[in-house]
Amino acid sequence: MSETKYLYMAQCVDSLRTLVKEKIRLLKKNKYLANADWIFIEKNFRIENPHTINMINNDNRDINLNDHNIQCSHCHRPISIEFNQIQYDDLFEETRIRIINIQKTSFWRQYRDYEISTQAVRILSSLCDFVIDRKGQYISIDQLKYYYK
């Protein structure tokens, strides 16, 4: 994985962590949720960066992922799940598409809040649609430069 993609994914994970912390903080103030088990909730909503735990080397197509253990709901025995390279690539691609859709939503939210113009939201939205169809791509500065020459 390139350094740019790694930094982008780390930034996304950090923003998700911040969002979860903020939502939990707001929910703690809700009088109807006062008796909730907040220790349990905070423990189970902890978001880990998968790229710091796992060693990924896409150049050699050599992947060393940690096992993902879950428990059987009936007998409570641990079940180990291993991802192969194809499953991991599919998961990564699905994550990329979700990130681009979140960006697109953010652009429309900025337009709604009068932070960007109609032309800007149209350009950014069309770029999101364009890169969703291109496997492994994100919106690049070069694509934006084309519209602002």
Foldseek 3Di string as FASTA:
>chain_A
DDPVVLVVLVVVQVVLQVVVVVVLVVVCPDPVCVPPPSVVVCVVPDGDRQPVVWPDDVVVLDGDHDWDWDADPPPRDIDTDDDHSVRVLVVVLVVVLVVLVVVLVVLVVCVVVVNDDPVVNVLSNVQSVVVNPPGPDDDDPVSVVVVVD
